[in-house]
C-alpha cells in the first residue's frame, strides 16, 4: 500500500525549483532500481540489495506481475520522465503517477 501522505510530501519537496538535482537523482535511481529488479527476475536470480529488506522487496515485487508487464511499466516510466523533462510537466504529478503505476502493478493489475 502506498503512503499517500508521504508520497505527497515527497512530491512537494521534489517539485521545488531548488530540488531539480534531487528530483533527477531520485528518478534516475528509481529507474535503475526497477531495471535491476527486472534483470534479476528475468535471469531467475535472487536480487541483492544495499539496505536490509531491499532484496526481499525486489523479489516480492517481481513475482507480483509478469516480466512483460514489468518491462512495460519501466518503459512507461522512462517515457513519462522524458516527456516531463521536455514539456515541463509537474514533478509532483510525475512522482504520483510513477508510484501509482508501481503500486497497481504490484497488486497484479
N, C-alpha and C. Protein backbone atom coordinates (compact mmCIF):
# COMPACT_ATOMS: atom_id res chain seq x y z
N UNK A 1 0.83 -1.18 0.00
CA UNK A 1 0.00 0.00 0.00
C UNK A 1 0.87 1.25 0.00
N UNK A 2 0.41 2.22 -0.73
CA UNK A 2 1.14 3.48 -0.79
C UNK A 2 0.88 4.32 0.45
N UNK A 3 1.89 5.01 0.90
CA UNK A 3 1.77 6.02 1.94
C UNK A 3 1.45 7.33 1.20
N UNK A 4 0.16 7.60 1.02
CA UNK A 4 -0.27 8.73 0.21
C UNK A 4 0.26 10.05 0.76
N UNK A 5 0.16 10.24 2.08
CA UNK A 5 0.65 11.49 2.69
C UNK A 5 2.17 11.62 2.47
N UNK A 6 2.89 10.54 2.66
CA UNK A 6 4.34 10.56 2.44
C UNK A 6 4.70 10.81 0.99
N UNK A 7 3.92 10.23 0.11
CA UNK A 7 4.16 10.42 -1.32
C UNK A 7 3.91 11.87 -1.74
N UNK A 8 2.84 12.46 -1.21
CA UNK A 8 2.57 13.88 -1.49
C UNK A 8 3.68 14.77 -0.90
N UNK A 9 4.16 14.43 0.28
CA UNK A 9 5.25 15.20 0.88
C UNK A 9 6.51 15.10 0.03
N UNK A 10 6.81 13.90 -0.46
CA UNK A 10 7.96 13.72 -1.35
C UNK A 10 7.78 14.55 -2.62
N UNK A 11 6.59 14.47 -3.20
CA UNK A 11 6.31 15.26 -4.41
C UNK A 11 6.46 16.74 -4.16
N UNK A 12 5.98 17.22 -3.02
CA UNK A 12 6.12 18.65 -2.69
C UNK A 12 7.59 19.05 -2.57
N UNK A 13 8.37 18.21 -1.88
CA UNK A 13 9.80 18.52 -1.71
C UNK A 13 10.53 18.53 -3.04
N UNK A 14 10.25 17.54 -3.89
CA UNK A 14 10.99 17.41 -5.14
C UNK A 14 10.47 18.33 -6.24
N UNK A 15 9.35 18.98 -6.02
CA UNK A 15 8.83 19.88 -7.04
C UNK A 15 9.29 21.32 -6.85
N UNK A 16 9.98 21.59 -5.76
CA UNK A 16 10.52 22.93 -5.54
C UNK A 16 11.58 23.24 -6.60
N UNK A 17 11.66 24.49 -7.01
CA UNK A 17 12.67 24.86 -8.01
C UNK A 17 14.10 24.51 -7.59
N UNK A 18 14.38 24.58 -6.30
CA UNK A 18 15.73 24.28 -5.81
C UNK A 18 16.02 22.78 -5.73
N UNK A 19 15.03 21.94 -6.02
CA UNK A 19 15.19 20.49 -5.85
C UNK A 19 15.34 19.74 -7.17
N UNK A 20 15.68 20.45 -8.24
CA UNK A 20 15.79 19.78 -9.54
C UNK A 20 16.82 18.65 -9.52
N UNK A 21 17.97 18.89 -8.92
CA UNK A 21 19.01 17.85 -8.88
C UNK A 21 18.53 16.64 -8.06
N UNK A 22 17.86 16.89 -6.95
CA UNK A 22 17.34 15.79 -6.13
C UNK A 22 16.29 15.00 -6.89
N UNK A 23 15.40 15.69 -7.61
CA UNK A 23 14.38 15.02 -8.42
C UNK A 23 15.04 14.15 -9.49
N UNK A 24 16.02 14.71 -10.19
CA UNK A 24 16.69 13.95 -11.24
C UNK A 24 17.42 12.74 -10.68
N UNK A 25 18.04 12.90 -9.52
CA UNK A 25 18.74 11.78 -8.88
C UNK A 25 17.76 10.70 -8.46
N UNK A 26 16.66 11.09 -7.81
CA UNK A 26 15.68 10.13 -7.35
C UNK A 26 15.07 9.36 -8.51
N UNK A 27 14.69 10.05 -9.57
CA UNK A 27 14.05 9.36 -10.68
C UNK A 27 15.04 8.46 -11.42
N UNK A 28 16.28 8.90 -11.55
CA UNK A 28 17.29 8.04 -12.19
C UNK A 28 17.54 6.79 -11.35
N UNK A 29 17.65 6.96 -10.04
CA UNK A 29 17.88 5.81 -9.16
C UNK A 29 16.69 4.87 -9.18
N UNK A 30 15.49 5.41 -9.22
CA UNK A 30 14.30 4.57 -9.25
C UNK A 30 14.25 3.74 -10.54
N UNK A 31 14.53 4.38 -11.67
CA UNK A 31 14.55 3.65 -12.95
C UNK A 31 15.61 2.56 -12.94
N UNK A 32 16.78 2.87 -12.40
CA UNK A 32 17.84 1.86 -12.30
C UNK A 32 17.43 0.71 -11.38
N UNK A 33 16.74 1.04 -10.30
CA UNK A 33 16.29 0.03 -9.34
C UNK A 33 15.29 -0.91 -9.99
N UNK A 34 14.35 -0.34 -10.73
CA UNK A 34 13.34 -1.17 -11.42
C UNK A 34 14.02 -2.04 -12.47
N UNK A 35 14.96 -1.47 -13.22
CA UNK A 35 15.68 -2.24 -14.24
C UNK A 35 16.46 -3.38 -13.60
N UNK A 36 17.07 -3.13 -12.46
CA UNK A 36 17.81 -4.19 -11.76
C UNK A 36 16.87 -5.29 -11.30
N UNK A 37 15.70 -4.90 -10.79
CA UNK A 37 14.70 -5.89 -10.37
C UNK A 37 14.30 -6.77 -11.56
N UNK A 38 14.08 -6.14 -12.71
CA UNK A 38 13.68 -6.87 -13.92
C UNK A 38 14.80 -7.80 -14.38
N UNK A 39 16.04 -7.30 -14.42
CA UNK A 39 17.18 -8.13 -14.85
C UNK A 39 17.33 -9.36 -13.96
N UNK A 40 17.29 -9.14 -12.65
CA UNK A 40 17.45 -10.27 -11.73
C UNK A 40 16.30 -11.26 -11.88
N UNK A 41 15.09 -10.75 -11.97
CA UNK A 41 13.94 -11.64 -12.12
C UNK A 41 13.96 -12.41 -13.42
N UNK A 42 14.33 -11.73 -14.51
CA UNK A 42 14.37 -12.39 -15.82
C UNK A 42 15.44 -13.47 -15.87
N UNK A 43 16.52 -13.28 -15.13
CA UNK A 43 17.60 -14.26 -15.11
C UNK A 43 17.39 -15.31 -14.01
N UNK A 44 16.23 -15.25 -13.36
CA UNK A 44 15.91 -16.18 -12.26
C UNK A 44 16.95 -16.15 -11.16
N UNK A 45 17.48 -14.94 -10.92
CA UNK A 45 18.45 -14.76 -9.82
C UNK A 45 17.73 -14.05 -8.68
N UNK A 46 18.17 -14.34 -7.50
CA UNK A 46 17.68 -13.60 -6.35
C UNK A 46 18.33 -12.22 -6.38
N UNK A 47 17.52 -11.20 -6.17
CA UNK A 47 18.05 -9.84 -6.15
C UNK A 47 18.94 -9.67 -4.93
N UNK A 48 19.86 -8.74 -5.05
CA UNK A 48 20.68 -8.35 -3.91
C UNK A 48 20.39 -6.88 -3.63
N UNK A 49 20.46 -6.51 -2.41
CA UNK A 49 20.13 -5.14 -2.05
C UNK A 49 21.25 -4.48 -1.28
N UNK A 50 21.13 -3.17 -1.16
CA UNK A 50 22.12 -2.40 -0.42
C UNK A 50 21.67 -2.13 1.01
N UNK A 51 20.36 -2.22 1.25
CA UNK A 51 19.83 -1.98 2.58
C UNK A 51 19.00 -3.19 3.00
N UNK A 52 18.85 -3.41 4.30
CA UNK A 52 18.07 -4.57 4.76
C UNK A 52 16.65 -4.55 4.19
N UNK A 53 16.22 -5.68 3.69
CA UNK A 53 14.88 -5.83 3.15
C UNK A 53 14.73 -5.47 1.69
N UNK A 54 15.73 -4.84 1.10
CA UNK A 54 15.62 -4.41 -0.30
C UNK A 54 15.52 -5.60 -1.25
N UNK A 55 16.35 -6.59 -1.08
CA UNK A 55 16.33 -7.76 -1.96
C UNK A 55 14.99 -8.49 -1.87
N UNK A 56 14.48 -8.63 -0.65
CA UNK A 56 13.19 -9.29 -0.48
C UNK A 56 12.08 -8.50 -1.16
N UNK A 57 12.14 -7.18 -1.06
CA UNK A 57 11.14 -6.34 -1.73
C UNK A 57 11.22 -6.51 -3.24
N UNK A 58 12.42 -6.47 -3.80
CA UNK A 58 12.59 -6.65 -5.24
C UNK A 58 12.00 -7.98 -5.70
N UNK A 59 12.34 -9.04 -4.97
CA UNK A 59 11.86 -10.38 -5.35
C UNK A 59 10.34 -10.48 -5.24
N UNK A 60 9.79 -9.93 -4.16
CA UNK A 60 8.33 -9.97 -3.98
C UNK A 60 7.62 -9.16 -5.05
N UNK A 61 8.12 -7.97 -5.37
CA UNK A 61 7.50 -7.15 -6.42
C UNK A 61 7.57 -7.85 -7.77
N UNK A 62 8.72 -8.40 -8.09
CA UNK A 62 8.88 -9.03 -9.39
C UNK A 62 7.88 -10.18 -9.57
N UNK A 63 7.64 -10.91 -8.51
CA UNK A 63 6.74 -12.05 -8.58
C UNK A 63 5.26 -11.64 -8.66
N UNK A 64 4.96 -10.37 -8.42
CA UNK A 64 3.57 -9.92 -8.39
C UNK A 64 2.99 -9.67 -9.79
N UNK A 65 3.83 -9.63 -10.81
CA UNK A 65 3.35 -9.39 -12.18
C UNK A 65 4.29 -10.10 -13.14
N UNK A 66 3.85 -10.21 -14.38
CA UNK A 66 4.67 -10.89 -15.39
C UNK A 66 5.87 -10.03 -15.79
N UNK A 67 6.87 -10.70 -16.34
CA UNK A 67 8.05 -10.00 -16.85
C UNK A 67 7.64 -8.95 -17.87
N UNK A 68 6.77 -9.31 -18.80
CA UNK A 68 6.32 -8.36 -19.83
C UNK A 68 5.67 -7.13 -19.22
N UNK A 69 4.88 -7.36 -18.19
CA UNK A 69 4.19 -6.23 -17.54
C UNK A 69 5.20 -5.31 -16.87
N UNK A 70 6.19 -5.86 -16.16
CA UNK A 70 7.20 -5.02 -15.53
C UNK A 70 8.02 -4.25 -16.56
N UNK A 71 8.34 -4.89 -17.67
CA UNK A 71 9.07 -4.18 -18.72
C UNK A 71 8.24 -3.02 -19.25
N UNK A 72 6.95 -3.25 -19.46
CA UNK A 72 6.06 -2.18 -19.94
C UNK A 72 5.99 -1.03 -18.93
N UNK A 73 5.90 -1.36 -17.66
CA UNK A 73 5.86 -0.32 -16.62
C UNK A 73 7.15 0.50 -16.65
N UNK A 74 8.29 -0.19 -16.72
CA UNK A 74 9.57 0.52 -16.77
C UNK A 74 9.65 1.42 -18.01
N UNK A 75 9.23 0.91 -19.16
CA UNK A 75 9.23 1.73 -20.37
C UNK A 75 8.30 2.93 -20.23
N UNK A 76 7.12 2.73 -19.67
CA UNK A 76 6.18 3.83 -19.49
C UNK A 76 6.75 4.90 -18.56
N UNK A 77 7.43 4.47 -17.51
CA UNK A 77 8.04 5.43 -16.58
C UNK A 77 9.13 6.23 -17.27
N UNK A 78 9.98 5.56 -18.03
CA UNK A 78 11.06 6.30 -18.71
C UNK A 78 10.50 7.25 -19.76
N UNK A 79 9.44 6.86 -20.44
CA UNK A 79 8.79 7.76 -21.41
C UNK A 79 8.18 8.96 -20.69
N UNK A 80 7.50 8.71 -19.57
CA UNK A 80 6.92 9.80 -18.80
C UNK A 80 7.99 10.77 -18.33
N UNK A 81 9.09 10.26 -17.82
CA UNK A 81 10.17 11.13 -17.35
C UNK A 81 10.78 11.95 -18.48
N UNK A 82 10.93 11.34 -19.64
CA UNK A 82 11.45 12.06 -20.80
C UNK A 82 10.49 13.17 -21.21
N UNK A 83 9.22 12.84 -21.28
CA UNK A 83 8.20 13.81 -21.65
C UNK A 83 8.13 14.94 -20.62
N UNK A 84 8.20 14.59 -19.35
CA UNK A 84 8.15 15.59 -18.28
C UNK A 84 9.29 16.58 -18.40
N UNK A 85 10.47 16.08 -18.75
CA UNK A 85 11.63 16.96 -18.90
C UNK A 85 11.49 17.87 -20.11
N UNK A 86 10.91 17.34 -21.18
CA UNK A 86 10.80 18.13 -22.41
C UNK A 86 9.73 19.21 -22.34
N UNK A 87 8.60 18.93 -21.69
CA UNK A 87 7.49 19.89 -21.70
C UNK A 87 7.19 20.45 -20.32
N UNK A 88 8.09 20.24 -19.37
CA UNK A 88 7.99 20.84 -18.05
C UNK A 88 6.70 20.45 -17.32
N UNK A 89 6.42 19.15 -17.27
CA UNK A 89 5.27 18.66 -16.51
C UNK A 89 5.54 18.83 -15.02
N UNK A 90 4.50 18.84 -14.24
CA UNK A 90 4.61 18.95 -12.79
C UNK A 90 5.39 17.76 -12.23
N UNK A 91 6.48 18.04 -11.54
CA UNK A 91 7.28 16.96 -10.97
C UNK A 91 6.47 16.17 -9.94
N UNK A 92 5.67 16.87 -9.16
CA UNK A 92 4.86 16.18 -8.16
C UNK A 92 3.90 15.21 -8.84
N UNK A 93 3.25 15.64 -9.90
CA UNK A 93 2.31 14.75 -10.59
C UNK A 93 3.03 13.57 -11.21
N UNK A 94 4.22 13.79 -11.72
CA UNK A 94 5.02 12.70 -12.29
C UNK A 94 5.32 11.66 -11.21
N UNK A 95 5.74 12.12 -10.04
CA UNK A 95 6.05 11.21 -8.94
C UNK A 95 4.81 10.43 -8.52
N UNK A 96 3.69 11.12 -8.39
CA UNK A 96 2.44 10.45 -8.02
C UNK A 96 2.06 9.40 -9.06
N UNK A 97 2.22 9.73 -10.33
CA UNK A 97 1.89 8.79 -11.41
C UNK A 97 2.80 7.57 -11.38
N UNK A 98 4.09 7.80 -11.18
CA UNK A 98 5.05 6.69 -11.16
C UNK A 98 4.71 5.71 -10.04
N UNK A 99 4.55 6.22 -8.84
CA UNK A 99 4.30 5.33 -7.71
C UNK A 99 2.92 4.68 -7.78
N UNK A 100 1.97 5.38 -8.35
CA UNK A 100 0.65 4.77 -8.56
C UNK A 100 0.75 3.60 -9.52
N UNK A 101 1.51 3.77 -10.60
CA UNK A 101 1.71 2.70 -11.56
C UNK A 101 2.42 1.51 -10.94
N UNK A 102 3.43 1.78 -10.13
CA UNK A 102 4.15 0.70 -9.46
C UNK A 102 3.22 -0.05 -8.49
N UNK A 103 2.43 0.69 -7.75
CA UNK A 103 1.51 0.06 -6.79
C UNK A 103 0.47 -0.80 -7.50
N UNK A 104 -0.09 -0.31 -8.61
CA UNK A 104 -1.07 -1.10 -9.35
C UNK A 104 -0.45 -2.36 -9.90
N UNK A 105 0.76 -2.25 -10.40
CA UNK A 105 1.44 -3.44 -10.94
C UNK A 105 1.73 -4.44 -9.84
N UNK A 106 2.16 -3.94 -8.68
CA UNK A 106 2.46 -4.82 -7.55
C UNK A 106 1.22 -5.55 -7.06
N UNK A 107 0.05 -4.96 -7.27
CA UNK A 107 -1.20 -5.61 -6.89
C UNK A 107 -1.65 -6.63 -7.93
N UNK A 108 -0.91 -6.69 -9.04
CA UNK A 108 -1.25 -7.66 -10.08
C UNK A 108 -2.24 -7.12 -11.11
N UNK A 109 -2.38 -5.81 -11.18
CA UNK A 109 -3.30 -5.19 -12.15
C UNK A 109 -2.58 -4.77 -13.41
